[in-house]
Amino acid sequence: MAAPRPSRIGLFGGAFDPPHLAHVALARAAIAQFALDVLHVLPTGDAWHKSRPLNPAADRLAMTRLAFEGVPGCERVTVDDRELRRDGPTYTIDTLTELRAEHPGAELLLQVGADQAAALQSWRRIDDILRIATISIAVRGDEERAGAGFDLKSVQDRLPAGCFVLLALPAMPHSSTAIRRQIADGVPPAVLVAEGLIAEPVARYIADHHLYRNAPT
């Protein structure tokens, strides 16, 4: 009898300020393509790399839970708040180290976007990250975003062979920055639901809590 395969755990971090439907599509695709047993969706805490202040952790956590709750294909998603509870700057290596200790022997897949992949070499302890996890790079299928920073050959040249895989996604014109800007410009969140950008529970939360009306983008 063949030995059972190790459990396969995904990590998908981000500001989720706010979470949008491309985030959900990415999670569903990663679970399906890589046969993940669980995908930890991790709203970031003190994001050292962000040039703008994030909205309060409680709001981002609540919206992220609403974005994934009860969504078909996201049954294996767990919204993990550990980075919000951590004091000081949030570093991916700390989360990976914790999950490795909690799940010895598991395969860890770290999901990043194409823009993040272009900056991987600047990440804290990137060599340790590559020893602990496989990097899964999500590439959206439209030329504008692909040209905004993702260069497969460049990634291949800079990262060791076999340390990353690609997750192909359809073209999705979703951007948390653009969503914040539209709401600040007076677009009702319900309109963004009709446009297929955010989920209705997230839009309702944004409206009820008056988020993004005057916030910097």
N, C-alpha and C. Protein backbone atom coordinates (compact mmCIF):
# COMPACT_ATOMS: atom_id res chain seq x y z
N MET A 1 0.85 -1.20 0.00
CA MET A 1 0.00 0.00 0.00
C MET A 1 0.88 1.24 0.00
N ALA A 2 0.58 2.18 -0.90
CA ALA A 2 1.37 3.39 -0.99
C ALA A 2 1.14 4.26 0.25
N ALA A 3 2.20 4.91 0.67
CA ALA A 3 2.10 5.81 1.82
C ALA A 3 1.25 7.02 1.44
N PRO A 4 0.44 7.50 2.36
CA PRO A 4 -0.36 8.69 2.05
C PRO A 4 0.54 9.89 1.80
N ARG A 5 0.11 10.75 0.90
CA ARG A 5 0.92 11.93 0.62
C ARG A 5 0.87 12.89 1.80
N PRO A 6 1.90 13.71 1.96
CA PRO A 6 1.87 14.71 3.03
C PRO A 6 0.71 15.68 2.82
N SER A 7 0.23 16.24 3.90
CA SER A 7 -0.80 17.27 3.75
C SER A 7 -0.21 18.46 3.00
N ARG A 8 -1.06 19.16 2.30
CA ARG A 8 -0.61 20.26 1.45
C ARG A 8 -1.34 21.52 1.91
N ILE A 9 -0.56 22.49 2.39
CA ILE A 9 -1.11 23.69 3.01
C ILE A 9 -0.69 24.92 2.21
N GLY A 10 -1.66 25.73 1.86
CA GLY A 10 -1.38 26.97 1.14
C GLY A 10 -1.45 28.17 2.05
N LEU A 11 -0.71 29.21 1.69
CA LEU A 11 -0.74 30.49 2.40
C LEU A 11 -1.00 31.58 1.37
N PHE A 12 -1.93 32.45 1.68
CA PHE A 12 -2.27 33.56 0.79
C PHE A 12 -2.44 34.80 1.65
N GLY A 13 -1.42 35.64 1.66
CA GLY A 13 -1.46 36.84 2.47
C GLY A 13 -1.72 38.08 1.65
N GLY A 14 -2.14 39.13 2.33
CA GLY A 14 -2.38 40.40 1.66
C GLY A 14 -3.05 41.37 2.61
N ALA A 15 -3.15 42.61 2.18
CA ALA A 15 -3.82 43.62 3.00
C ALA A 15 -5.33 43.37 3.05
N PHE A 16 -5.90 42.89 1.93
CA PHE A 16 -7.34 42.69 1.82
C PHE A 16 -8.09 43.95 2.28
N ASP A 17 -7.75 45.04 1.60
CA ASP A 17 -8.22 46.36 2.01
C ASP A 17 -8.82 47.12 0.83
N PRO A 18 -9.99 46.64 0.29
CA PRO A 18 -10.79 45.52 0.75
C PRO A 18 -10.50 44.25 -0.05
N PRO A 19 -11.00 43.09 0.41
CA PRO A 19 -10.93 41.88 -0.41
C PRO A 19 -11.89 41.99 -1.58
N HIS A 20 -11.47 41.50 -2.75
CA HIS A 20 -12.33 41.57 -3.93
C HIS A 20 -12.45 40.19 -4.56
N LEU A 21 -13.22 40.11 -5.64
CA LEU A 21 -13.54 38.80 -6.20
C LEU A 21 -12.36 38.14 -6.89
N ALA A 22 -11.34 38.89 -7.29
CA ALA A 22 -10.14 38.25 -7.82
C ALA A 22 -9.39 37.51 -6.73
N HIS A 23 -9.44 38.01 -5.49
CA HIS A 23 -8.85 37.28 -4.37
C HIS A 23 -9.54 35.92 -4.21
N VAL A 24 -10.86 35.95 -4.29
CA VAL A 24 -11.62 34.71 -4.15
C VAL A 24 -11.31 33.74 -5.30
N ALA A 25 -11.24 34.27 -6.52
CA ALA A 25 -10.93 33.43 -7.68
C ALA A 25 -9.56 32.79 -7.54
N LEU A 26 -8.60 33.56 -7.04
CA LEU A 26 -7.25 33.02 -6.84
C LEU A 26 -7.28 31.89 -5.83
N ALA A 27 -7.98 32.08 -4.73
CA ALA A 27 -8.05 31.05 -3.69
C ALA A 27 -8.67 29.76 -4.25
N ARG A 28 -9.77 29.89 -4.97
CA ARG A 28 -10.42 28.71 -5.54
C ARG A 28 -9.51 27.99 -6.52
N ALA A 29 -8.80 28.77 -7.35
CA ALA A 29 -7.90 28.16 -8.33
C ALA A 29 -6.74 27.44 -7.66
N ALA A 30 -6.17 28.05 -6.62
CA ALA A 30 -5.05 27.43 -5.93
C ALA A 30 -5.47 26.13 -5.25
N ILE A 31 -6.63 26.13 -4.61
CA ILE A 31 -7.13 24.92 -3.96
C ILE A 31 -7.31 23.80 -4.98
N ALA A 32 -7.90 24.14 -6.12
CA ALA A 32 -8.17 23.13 -7.14
C ALA A 32 -6.90 22.65 -7.83
N GLN A 33 -6.03 23.58 -8.25
CA GLN A 33 -4.85 23.19 -9.03
C GLN A 33 -3.85 22.41 -8.20
N PHE A 34 -3.67 22.80 -6.94
CA PHE A 34 -2.64 22.19 -6.13
C PHE A 34 -3.19 21.19 -5.12
N ALA A 35 -4.48 20.89 -5.19
CA ALA A 35 -5.12 19.93 -4.28
C ALA A 35 -4.78 20.24 -2.83
N LEU A 36 -4.97 21.51 -2.47
CA LEU A 36 -4.65 21.92 -1.11
C LEU A 36 -5.63 21.33 -0.11
N ASP A 37 -5.11 20.89 1.02
CA ASP A 37 -5.98 20.44 2.10
C ASP A 37 -6.57 21.62 2.85
N VAL A 38 -5.82 22.70 2.92
CA VAL A 38 -6.31 23.93 3.54
C VAL A 38 -5.53 25.10 2.95
N LEU A 39 -6.19 26.23 2.81
CA LEU A 39 -5.54 27.47 2.37
C LEU A 39 -5.74 28.50 3.47
N HIS A 40 -4.64 28.93 4.09
CA HIS A 40 -4.70 29.98 5.10
C HIS A 40 -4.69 31.34 4.39
N VAL A 41 -5.78 32.07 4.53
CA VAL A 41 -5.85 33.44 4.02
C VAL A 41 -5.50 34.35 5.18
N LEU A 42 -4.43 35.16 4.98
CA LEU A 42 -3.80 35.86 6.09
C LEU A 42 -3.79 37.38 5.88
N PRO A 43 -4.76 38.09 6.43
CA PRO A 43 -4.66 39.55 6.37
C PRO A 43 -3.39 40.01 7.09
N THR A 44 -2.65 40.89 6.45
CA THR A 44 -1.38 41.32 7.01
C THR A 44 -1.58 42.26 8.19
N GLY A 45 -0.61 42.24 9.09
CA GLY A 45 -0.65 43.12 10.25
C GLY A 45 0.04 44.43 9.94
N ASP A 46 1.18 44.66 10.61
CA ASP A 46 1.97 45.87 10.38
C ASP A 46 2.79 45.65 9.11
N ALA A 47 2.27 46.13 8.00
CA ALA A 47 2.90 45.87 6.70
C ALA A 47 4.04 46.85 6.47
N TRP A 48 5.26 46.40 6.69
CA TRP A 48 6.43 47.27 6.58
C TRP A 48 6.62 47.82 5.17
N HIS A 49 6.11 47.09 4.15
CA HIS A 49 6.36 47.47 2.77
C HIS A 49 5.30 48.38 2.19
N LYS A 50 4.25 48.69 2.95
CA LYS A 50 3.17 49.53 2.44
C LYS A 50 3.49 51.00 2.70
N SER A 51 3.31 51.83 1.66
CA SER A 51 3.59 53.25 1.79
C SER A 51 2.42 54.01 2.39
N ARG A 52 1.26 53.39 2.49
CA ARG A 52 0.09 54.06 3.06
C ARG A 52 -0.37 53.30 4.30
N PRO A 53 -1.04 53.97 5.24
CA PRO A 53 -1.59 53.26 6.39
C PRO A 53 -2.76 52.38 5.96
N LEU A 54 -2.82 51.19 6.52
CA LEU A 54 -3.93 50.29 6.23
C LEU A 54 -5.14 50.65 7.09
N ASN A 55 -6.30 50.25 6.64
CA ASN A 55 -7.49 50.41 7.46
C ASN A 55 -7.39 49.48 8.66
N PRO A 56 -8.19 49.74 9.70
CA PRO A 56 -8.05 48.96 10.94
C PRO A 56 -8.12 47.46 10.71
N ALA A 57 -7.33 46.75 11.50
CA ALA A 57 -7.25 45.29 11.37
C ALA A 57 -8.61 44.64 11.53
N ALA A 58 -9.41 45.12 12.48
CA ALA A 58 -10.72 44.51 12.73
C ALA A 58 -11.61 44.59 11.49
N ASP A 59 -11.56 45.72 10.78
CA ASP A 59 -12.38 45.86 9.57
C ASP A 59 -11.88 44.95 8.46
N ARG A 60 -10.58 44.90 8.25
CA ARG A 60 -10.04 44.07 7.17
C ARG A 60 -10.29 42.59 7.45
N LEU A 61 -10.16 42.18 8.72
CA LEU A 61 -10.43 40.79 9.08
C LEU A 61 -11.91 40.45 8.86
N ALA A 62 -12.80 41.34 9.29
CA ALA A 62 -14.23 41.08 9.12
C ALA A 62 -14.60 40.98 7.64
N MET A 63 -14.08 41.88 6.82
CA MET A 63 -14.38 41.85 5.38
C MET A 63 -13.82 40.58 4.74
N THR A 64 -12.64 40.16 5.15
CA THR A 64 -12.04 38.97 4.56
C THR A 64 -12.88 37.74 4.89
N ARG A 65 -13.34 37.66 6.12
CA ARG A 65 -14.21 36.53 6.49
C ARG A 65 -15.50 36.55 5.67
N LEU A 66 -16.07 37.74 5.48
CA LEU A 66 -17.30 37.84 4.68
C LEU A 66 -17.04 37.46 3.22
N ALA A 67 -15.86 37.80 2.70
CA ALA A 67 -15.55 37.54 1.29
C ALA A 67 -15.49 36.06 0.98
N PHE A 68 -15.05 35.24 1.95
CA PHE A 68 -14.83 33.82 1.69
C PHE A 68 -15.89 32.92 2.30
N GLU A 69 -16.66 33.43 3.20
CA GLU A 69 -17.62 32.60 3.95
C GLU A 69 -18.71 32.05 3.03
N GLY A 70 -18.83 30.73 3.01
CA GLY A 70 -19.89 30.09 2.24
C GLY A 70 -19.73 30.12 0.74
N VAL A 71 -18.56 30.48 0.24
CA VAL A 71 -18.35 30.56 -1.20
C VAL A 71 -18.00 29.18 -1.75
N PRO A 72 -18.73 28.68 -2.75
CA PRO A 72 -18.39 27.38 -3.34
C PRO A 72 -16.94 27.37 -3.82
N GLY A 73 -16.25 26.29 -3.52
CA GLY A 73 -14.85 26.17 -3.89
C GLY A 73 -13.90 26.71 -2.85
N CYS A 74 -14.43 27.37 -1.82
CA CYS A 74 -13.59 27.93 -0.75
C CYS A 74 -13.83 27.22 0.58
N GLU A 75 -14.37 26.00 0.51
CA GLU A 75 -14.64 25.27 1.74
C GLU A 75 -13.37 24.98 2.53
N ARG A 76 -12.23 24.95 1.84
CA ARG A 76 -10.97 24.65 2.52
C ARG A 76 -10.19 25.91 2.89
N VAL A 77 -10.82 27.06 2.77
CA VAL A 77 -10.19 28.31 3.19
C VAL A 77 -10.41 28.51 4.68
N THR A 78 -9.35 28.87 5.38
CA THR A 78 -9.48 29.34 6.75
C THR A 78 -8.86 30.73 6.83
N VAL A 79 -9.64 31.70 7.29
CA VAL A 79 -9.13 33.06 7.45
C VAL A 79 -8.37 33.09 8.77
N ASP A 80 -7.07 33.31 8.68
CA ASP A 80 -6.13 33.17 9.79
C ASP A 80 -5.69 34.56 10.23
N ASP A 81 -5.93 34.90 11.49
CA ASP A 81 -5.64 36.25 11.96
C ASP A 81 -4.31 36.37 12.69
N ARG A 82 -3.43 35.39 12.56
CA ARG A 82 -2.20 35.39 13.37
C ARG A 82 -1.31 36.61 13.09
N GLU A 83 -1.28 37.08 11.85
CA GLU A 83 -0.42 38.22 11.55
C GLU A 83 -0.99 39.52 12.13
N LEU A 84 -2.29 39.58 12.29
CA LEU A 84 -2.91 40.74 12.92
C LEU A 84 -2.64 40.76 14.43
N ARG A 85 -2.46 39.58 15.02
CA ARG A 85 -2.21 39.50 16.45
C ARG A 85 -0.74 39.65 16.81
N ARG A 86 0.13 39.63 15.81
CA ARG A 86 1.56 39.68 16.06
C ARG A 86 2.00 41.13 16.28
N ASP A 87 2.85 41.33 17.28
CA ASP A 87 3.39 42.67 17.52
C ASP A 87 4.50 42.97 16.53
N GLY A 88 4.59 44.23 16.12
CA GLY A 88 5.67 44.64 15.24
C GLY A 88 5.39 44.31 13.79
N PRO A 89 6.38 44.54 12.92
CA PRO A 89 6.20 44.30 11.49
C PRO A 89 5.86 42.85 11.17
N THR A 90 5.09 42.66 10.12
CA THR A 90 4.69 41.33 9.65
C THR A 90 5.69 40.82 8.63
N TYR A 91 6.26 39.64 8.88
CA TYR A 91 7.18 39.02 7.93
C TYR A 91 6.70 37.62 7.59
N THR A 92 6.73 37.30 6.30
CA THR A 92 6.25 36.01 5.83
C THR A 92 7.02 34.86 6.46
N ILE A 93 8.32 35.02 6.65
CA ILE A 93 9.12 33.93 7.21
C ILE A 93 8.62 33.53 8.59
N ASP A 94 8.13 34.48 9.39
CA ASP A 94 7.63 34.14 10.72
C ASP A 94 6.38 33.27 10.63
N THR A 95 5.50 33.60 9.71
CA THR A 95 4.28 32.80 9.54
C THR A 95 4.61 31.41 9.02
N LEU A 96 5.51 31.32 8.05
CA LEU A 96 5.92 30.02 7.54
C LEU A 96 6.55 29.16 8.63
N THR A 97 7.39 29.76 9.45
CA THR A 97 8.04 29.02 10.53
C THR A 97 7.01 28.49 11.52
N GLU A 98 6.01 29.31 11.84
CA GLU A 98 4.96 28.85 12.75
C GLU A 98 4.18 27.69 12.16
N LEU A 99 3.79 27.80 10.89
CA LEU A 99 3.01 26.74 10.27
C LEU A 99 3.82 25.46 10.11
N ARG A 100 5.11 25.60 9.84
CA ARG A 100 5.98 24.42 9.76
C ARG A 100 6.01 23.69 11.10
N ALA A 101 6.09 24.43 12.20
CA ALA A 101 6.09 23.81 13.53
C ALA A 101 4.74 23.18 13.86
N GLU A 102 3.65 23.79 13.40
CA GLU A 102 2.31 23.26 13.68
C GLU A 102 1.99 22.05 12.83
N HIS A 103 2.60 21.96 11.63
CA HIS A 103 2.28 20.88 10.69
C HIS A 103 3.58 20.26 10.16
N PRO A 104 4.33 19.58 11.02
CA PRO A 104 5.59 18.98 10.55
C PRO A 104 5.33 17.96 9.44
N GLY A 105 6.13 18.04 8.40
CA GLY A 105 5.97 17.12 7.28
C GLY A 105 5.04 17.60 6.20
N ALA A 106 4.30 18.66 6.44
CA ALA A 106 3.37 19.17 5.43
C ALA A 106 4.13 19.89 4.33
N GLU A 107 3.55 19.88 3.12
CA GLU A 107 4.06 20.70 2.02
C GLU A 107 3.42 22.07 2.12
N LEU A 108 4.24 23.11 2.11
CA LEU A 108 3.74 24.48 2.20
C LEU A 108 3.89 25.17 0.85
N LEU A 109 2.80 25.77 0.37
CA LEU A 109 2.82 26.53 -0.87
C LEU A 109 2.44 27.97 -0.56
N LEU A 110 3.35 28.87 -0.83
CA LEU A 110 3.15 30.28 -0.57
C LEU A 110 2.66 30.96 -1.83
N GLN A 111 1.43 31.46 -1.79
CA GLN A 111 0.84 32.09 -2.95
C GLN A 111 1.22 33.57 -3.01
N VAL A 112 1.76 34.01 -4.14
CA VAL A 112 2.09 35.42 -4.33
C VAL A 112 1.58 35.87 -5.69
N GLY A 113 1.37 37.16 -5.82
CA GLY A 113 1.00 37.73 -7.10
C GLY A 113 2.23 38.00 -7.95
N ALA A 114 2.00 38.33 -9.21
CA ALA A 114 3.11 38.59 -10.12
C ALA A 114 3.95 39.77 -9.66
N ASP A 115 3.31 40.81 -9.12
CA ASP A 115 4.07 41.98 -8.66
C ASP A 115 4.94 41.62 -7.46
N GLN A 116 4.42 40.76 -6.57
CA GLN A 116 5.22 40.32 -5.44
C GLN A 116 6.38 39.44 -5.88
N ALA A 117 6.13 38.60 -6.88
CA ALA A 117 7.19 37.72 -7.38
C ALA A 117 8.37 38.52 -7.90
N ALA A 118 8.09 39.66 -8.50
CA ALA A 118 9.16 40.49 -9.05
C ALA A 118 10.05 41.06 -7.96
N ALA A 119 9.53 41.11 -6.72
CA ALA A 119 10.28 41.71 -5.61
C ALA A 119 10.72 40.69 -4.57
N LEU A 120 10.64 39.41 -4.89
CA LEU A 120 10.93 38.38 -3.89
C LEU A 120 12.32 38.50 -3.27
N GLN A 121 13.30 38.90 -4.07
CA GLN A 121 14.65 38.96 -3.54
C GLN A 121 14.81 39.99 -2.44
N SER A 122 13.87 40.92 -2.31
CA SER A 122 13.95 41.92 -1.25
C SER A 122 13.28 41.45 0.04
N TRP A 123 12.65 40.27 0.01
CA TRP A 123 11.93 39.80 1.18
C TRP A 123 12.89 39.38 2.29
N ARG A 124 12.50 39.56 3.50
CA ARG A 124 13.29 39.17 4.66
C ARG A 124 13.51 37.65 4.64
N ARG A 125 14.77 37.24 4.72
CA ARG A 125 15.19 35.83 4.79
C ARG A 125 14.60 35.01 3.64
N ILE A 126 14.73 35.52 2.43
CA ILE A 126 14.16 34.84 1.28
C ILE A 126 14.74 33.44 1.10
N ASP A 127 16.02 33.24 1.42
CA ASP A 127 16.61 31.91 1.27
C ASP A 127 15.93 30.91 2.20
N ASP A 128 15.59 31.33 3.41
CA ASP A 128 14.88 30.45 4.33
C ASP A 128 13.46 30.18 3.85
N ILE A 129 12.81 31.21 3.28
CA ILE A 129 11.48 31.01 2.73
C ILE A 129 11.49 29.94 1.65
N LEU A 130 12.49 29.99 0.77
CA LEU A 130 12.57 29.03 -0.33
C LEU A 130 12.89 27.63 0.16
N ARG A 131 13.53 27.52 1.31
CA ARG A 131 13.79 26.18 1.88
C ARG A 131 12.54 25.58 2.51
N ILE A 132 11.66 26.45 3.02
CA ILE A 132 10.48 25.98 3.74
C ILE A 132 9.31 25.73 2.81
N ALA A 133 9.16 26.57 1.79
CA ALA A 133 7.93 26.55 0.99
C ALA A 133 8.24 26.61 -0.50
N THR A 134 7.28 26.12 -1.28
CA THR A 134 7.27 26.34 -2.73
C THR A 134 6.49 27.62 -3.00
N ILE A 135 7.02 28.46 -3.87
CA ILE A 135 6.34 29.70 -4.23
C ILE A 135 5.38 29.42 -5.38
N SER A 136 4.13 29.79 -5.20
CA SER A 136 3.13 29.69 -6.26
C SER A 136 2.84 31.10 -6.75
N ILE A 137 3.17 31.37 -8.01
CA ILE A 137 3.04 32.71 -8.58
C ILE A 137 1.77 32.77 -9.43
N ALA A 138 0.84 33.62 -9.01
CA ALA A 138 -0.41 33.78 -9.76
C ALA A 138 -0.22 34.83 -10.84
N VAL A 139 -0.46 34.44 -12.06
CA VAL A 139 -0.30 35.34 -13.20
C VAL A 139 -1.66 35.51 -13.87
N ARG A 140 -2.18 36.74 -13.86
CA ARG A 140 -3.46 37.01 -14.51
C ARG A 140 -3.27 37.06 -16.02
N GLY A 141 -4.26 36.60 -16.72
CA GLY A 141 -4.15 36.47 -18.17
C GLY A 141 -4.47 37.72 -18.93
N ASP A 142 -3.86 38.85 -18.58
CA ASP A 142 -4.01 40.02 -19.44
C ASP A 142 -2.66 40.71 -19.55
N GLU A 143 -2.39 41.24 -20.72
CA GLU A 143 -1.06 41.74 -21.03
C GLU A 143 -0.70 42.97 -20.20
N GLU A 144 -1.69 43.77 -19.86
CA GLU A 144 -1.37 45.00 -19.13
C GLU A 144 -0.77 44.67 -17.77
N ARG A 145 -1.41 43.75 -17.04
CA ARG A 145 -0.89 43.40 -15.72
C ARG A 145 0.39 42.60 -15.85
N ALA A 146 0.46 41.72 -16.84
CA ALA A 146 1.68 40.93 -17.01
C ALA A 146 2.87 41.83 -17.28
N GLY A 147 2.63 42.91 -18.01
CA GLY A 147 3.71 43.82 -18.32
C GLY A 147 4.05 44.77 -17.20
N ALA A 148 3.27 44.72 -16.10
CA ALA A 148 3.48 45.67 -15.01
C ALA A 148 4.59 45.25 -14.07
N GLY A 149 5.23 44.11 -14.31
CA GLY A 149 6.31 43.76 -13.42
C GLY A 149 6.71 42.29 -13.45
N PHE A 150 5.89 41.42 -14.06
CA PHE A 150 6.21 40.01 -14.07
C PHE A 150 6.97 39.62 -15.32
N ASP A 151 8.11 39.02 -15.11
CA ASP A 151 8.95 38.55 -16.20
C ASP A 151 9.40 37.15 -15.82
N LEU A 152 8.81 36.13 -16.46
CA LEU A 152 9.07 34.75 -16.08
C LEU A 152 10.55 34.42 -16.18
N LYS A 153 11.22 34.84 -17.24
CA LYS A 153 12.63 34.52 -17.39
C LYS A 153 13.45 35.15 -16.26
N SER A 154 13.08 36.38 -15.88
CA SER A 154 13.80 37.03 -14.79
C SER A 154 13.64 36.26 -13.49
N VAL A 155 12.42 35.78 -13.23
CA VAL A 155 12.19 34.99 -12.02
C VAL A 155 12.99 33.69 -12.08
N GLN A 156 12.99 33.05 -13.24
CA GLN A 156 13.76 31.81 -13.40
C GLN A 156 15.24 32.04 -13.17
N ASP A 157 15.74 33.17 -13.61
CA ASP A 157 17.16 33.47 -13.44
C ASP A 157 17.53 33.73 -11.99
N ARG A 158 16.59 34.29 -11.23
CA ARG A 158 16.92 34.73 -9.87
C ARG A 158 16.60 33.69 -8.80
N LEU A 159 15.67 32.76 -9.08
CA LEU A 159 15.27 31.79 -8.07
C LEU A 159 15.78 30.39 -8.44
N PRO A 160 16.08 29.57 -7.45
CA PRO A 160 16.56 28.22 -7.73
C PRO A 160 15.52 27.41 -8.50
N ALA A 161 15.99 26.52 -9.35
CA ALA A 161 15.08 25.68 -10.13
C ALA A 161 14.22 24.84 -9.21
N GLY A 162 12.96 24.71 -9.57
CA GLY A 162 12.06 23.85 -8.82
C GLY A 162 11.47 24.46 -7.57
N CYS A 163 11.78 25.74 -7.30
CA CYS A 163 11.27 26.33 -6.07
C CYS A 163 9.97 27.10 -6.29
N PHE A 164 9.50 27.19 -7.53
CA PHE A 164 8.25 27.89 -7.75
C PHE A 164 7.44 27.21 -8.84
N VAL A 165 6.13 27.46 -8.77
CA VAL A 165 5.17 26.98 -9.77
C VAL A 165 4.30 28.16 -10.17
N LEU A 166 3.62 28.02 -11.30
CA LEU A 166 2.75 29.09 -11.78
C LEU A 166 1.29 28.70 -11.62
N LEU A 167 0.48 29.67 -11.25
CA LEU A 167 -0.96 29.51 -11.17
C LEU A 167 -1.58 30.45 -12.18
N ALA A 168 -2.13 29.90 -13.26
CA ALA A 168 -2.69 30.73 -14.32
C ALA A 168 -4.11 31.15 -13.95
N LEU A 169 -4.40 32.42 -14.12
CA LEU A 169 -5.71 32.98 -13.84
C LEU A 169 -6.21 33.73 -15.06
N PRO A 170 -7.52 33.83 -15.24
CA PRO A 170 -8.04 34.64 -16.35
C PRO A 170 -7.82 36.12 -16.07
N ALA A 171 -7.97 36.92 -17.09
CA ALA A 171 -7.87 38.37 -16.91
C ALA A 171 -8.99 38.85 -16.00
N MET A 172 -8.62 39.59 -14.96
CA MET A 172 -9.61 40.10 -14.01
C MET A 172 -9.22 41.53 -13.64
N PRO A 173 -10.01 42.52 -14.06
CA PRO A 173 -9.66 43.92 -13.82
C PRO A 173 -10.02 44.36 -12.40
N HIS A 174 -9.46 43.65 -11.41
CA HIS A 174 -9.78 43.94 -10.02
C HIS A 174 -8.55 44.54 -9.34
N SER A 175 -8.76 45.53 -8.52
CA SER A 175 -7.68 46.18 -7.81
C SER A 175 -8.25 46.83 -6.56
N SER A 176 -7.68 46.49 -5.39
CA SER A 176 -8.14 47.13 -4.16
C SER A 176 -7.94 48.63 -4.22
N THR A 177 -6.83 49.06 -4.83
CA THR A 177 -6.57 50.49 -4.96
C THR A 177 -7.68 51.17 -5.76
N ALA A 178 -8.05 50.58 -6.90
CA ALA A 178 -9.10 51.16 -7.73
C ALA A 178 -10.44 51.17 -7.02
N ILE A 179 -10.72 50.13 -6.25
CA ILE A 179 -11.99 50.06 -5.52
C ILE A 179 -12.04 51.16 -4.46
N ARG A 180 -10.95 51.33 -3.73
CA ARG A 180 -10.92 52.41 -2.74
C ARG A 180 -11.12 53.77 -3.40
N ARG A 181 -10.47 53.96 -4.55
CA ARG A 181 -10.57 55.24 -5.24
C ARG A 181 -12.01 55.50 -5.70
N GLN A 182 -12.67 54.46 -6.23
CA GLN A 182 -14.04 54.64 -6.70
C GLN A 182 -14.97 55.02 -5.55
N ILE A 183 -14.79 54.36 -4.41
CA ILE A 183 -15.66 54.67 -3.27
C ILE A 183 -15.38 56.08 -2.76
N ALA A 184 -14.10 56.46 -2.71
CA ALA A 184 -13.75 57.82 -2.30
C ALA A 184 -14.33 58.85 -3.26
N ASP A 185 -14.50 58.48 -4.52
CA ASP A 185 -15.08 59.38 -5.53
C ASP A 185 -16.60 59.39 -5.51
N GLY A 186 -17.19 58.60 -4.60
CA GLY A 186 -18.63 58.64 -4.45
C GLY A 186 -19.40 57.49 -5.06
N VAL A 187 -18.71 56.50 -5.62
CA VAL A 187 -19.40 55.34 -6.18
C VAL A 187 -19.93 54.47 -5.05
N PRO A 188 -21.23 54.19 -5.00
CA PRO A 188 -21.78 53.35 -3.93
C PRO A 188 -21.20 51.93 -4.01
N PRO A 189 -20.87 51.32 -2.87
CA PRO A 189 -20.35 49.96 -2.91
C PRO A 189 -21.26 48.98 -3.65
N ALA A 190 -22.58 49.19 -3.59
CA ALA A 190 -23.49 48.30 -4.29
C ALA A 190 -23.25 48.28 -5.79
N VAL A 191 -22.80 49.41 -6.34
CA VAL A 191 -22.49 49.46 -7.77
C VAL A 191 -21.31 48.55 -8.08
N LEU A 192 -20.35 48.47 -7.18
CA LEU A 192 -19.19 47.61 -7.39
C LEU A 192 -19.57 46.13 -7.34
N VAL A 193 -20.63 45.82 -6.60
CA VAL A 193 -21.16 44.46 -6.63
C VAL A 193 -21.73 44.15 -8.01
N ALA A 194 -22.53 45.08 -8.54
CA ALA A 194 -23.13 44.89 -9.86
C ALA A 194 -22.06 44.78 -10.94
N GLU A 195 -20.92 45.43 -10.74
CA GLU A 195 -19.83 45.37 -11.72
C GLU A 195 -18.96 44.13 -11.54
N GLY A 196 -19.28 43.29 -10.56
CA GLY A 196 -18.54 42.05 -10.37
C GLY A 196 -17.17 42.23 -9.73
N LEU A 197 -17.02 43.29 -8.91
CA LEU A 197 -15.73 43.57 -8.30
C LEU A 197 -15.63 43.08 -6.87
N ILE A 198 -16.68 43.24 -6.09
CA ILE A 198 -16.66 42.80 -4.70
C ILE A 198 -17.94 42.04 -4.39
N ALA A 199 -17.89 41.24 -3.33
CA ALA A 199 -19.06 40.46 -2.92
C ALA A 199 -20.05 41.36 -2.18
N GLU A 200 -21.32 40.98 -2.23
CA GLU A 200 -22.36 41.80 -1.61
C GLU A 200 -22.16 41.96 -0.10
N PRO A 201 -21.78 40.89 0.65
CA PRO A 201 -21.56 41.10 2.09
C PRO A 201 -20.43 42.08 2.38
N VAL A 202 -19.39 42.08 1.54
CA VAL A 202 -18.29 43.03 1.71
C VAL A 202 -18.78 44.45 1.43
N ALA A 203 -19.55 44.61 0.38
CA ALA A 203 -20.09 45.94 0.05
C ALA A 203 -20.97 46.46 1.17
N ARG A 204 -21.78 45.60 1.73
CA ARG A 204 -22.66 46.02 2.83
C ARG A 204 -21.84 46.45 4.05
N TYR A 205 -20.76 45.71 4.32
CA TYR A 205 -19.90 46.08 5.45
C TYR A 205 -19.25 47.44 5.21
N ILE A 206 -18.76 47.65 4.00
CA ILE A 206 -18.13 48.93 3.66
C ILE A 206 -19.11 50.08 3.85
N ALA A 207 -20.35 49.88 3.36
CA ALA A 207 -21.35 50.94 3.48
C ALA A 207 -21.74 51.18 4.94
N ASP A 208 -21.94 50.09 5.68
CA ASP A 208 -22.38 50.23 7.08
C ASP A 208 -21.32 50.89 7.95
N HIS A 209 -20.04 50.69 7.61
CA HIS A 209 -18.95 51.23 8.43
C HIS A 209 -18.28 52.45 7.80
N HIS A 210 -18.86 52.94 6.70
CA HIS A 210 -18.40 54.18 6.07
C HIS A 210 -16.91 54.14 5.73
N LEU A 211 -16.47 53.01 5.18
CA LEU A 211 -15.06 52.85 4.85
C LEU A 211 -14.74 53.48 3.49
N TYR A 212 -13.52 53.97 3.38
CA TYR A 212 -12.90 54.44 2.13
C TYR A 212 -13.48 55.73 1.57
N ARG A 213 -14.39 56.37 2.27
CA ARG A 213 -15.03 57.56 1.69
C ARG A 213 -14.02 58.70 1.48
N ASN A 214 -13.13 58.87 2.44
CA ASN A 214 -12.14 59.94 2.31
C ASN A 214 -10.73 59.40 2.51
N ALA A 215 -10.58 58.09 2.35
CA ALA A 215 -9.29 57.48 2.64
C ALA A 215 -8.33 57.67 1.48
N PRO A 216 -7.03 57.82 1.77
CA PRO A 216 -6.04 57.84 0.67
C PRO A 216 -6.02 56.50 -0.02
N THR A 217 -5.75 56.49 -1.32
CA THR A 217 -5.75 55.26 -2.08
C THR A 217 -4.41 54.57 -2.03
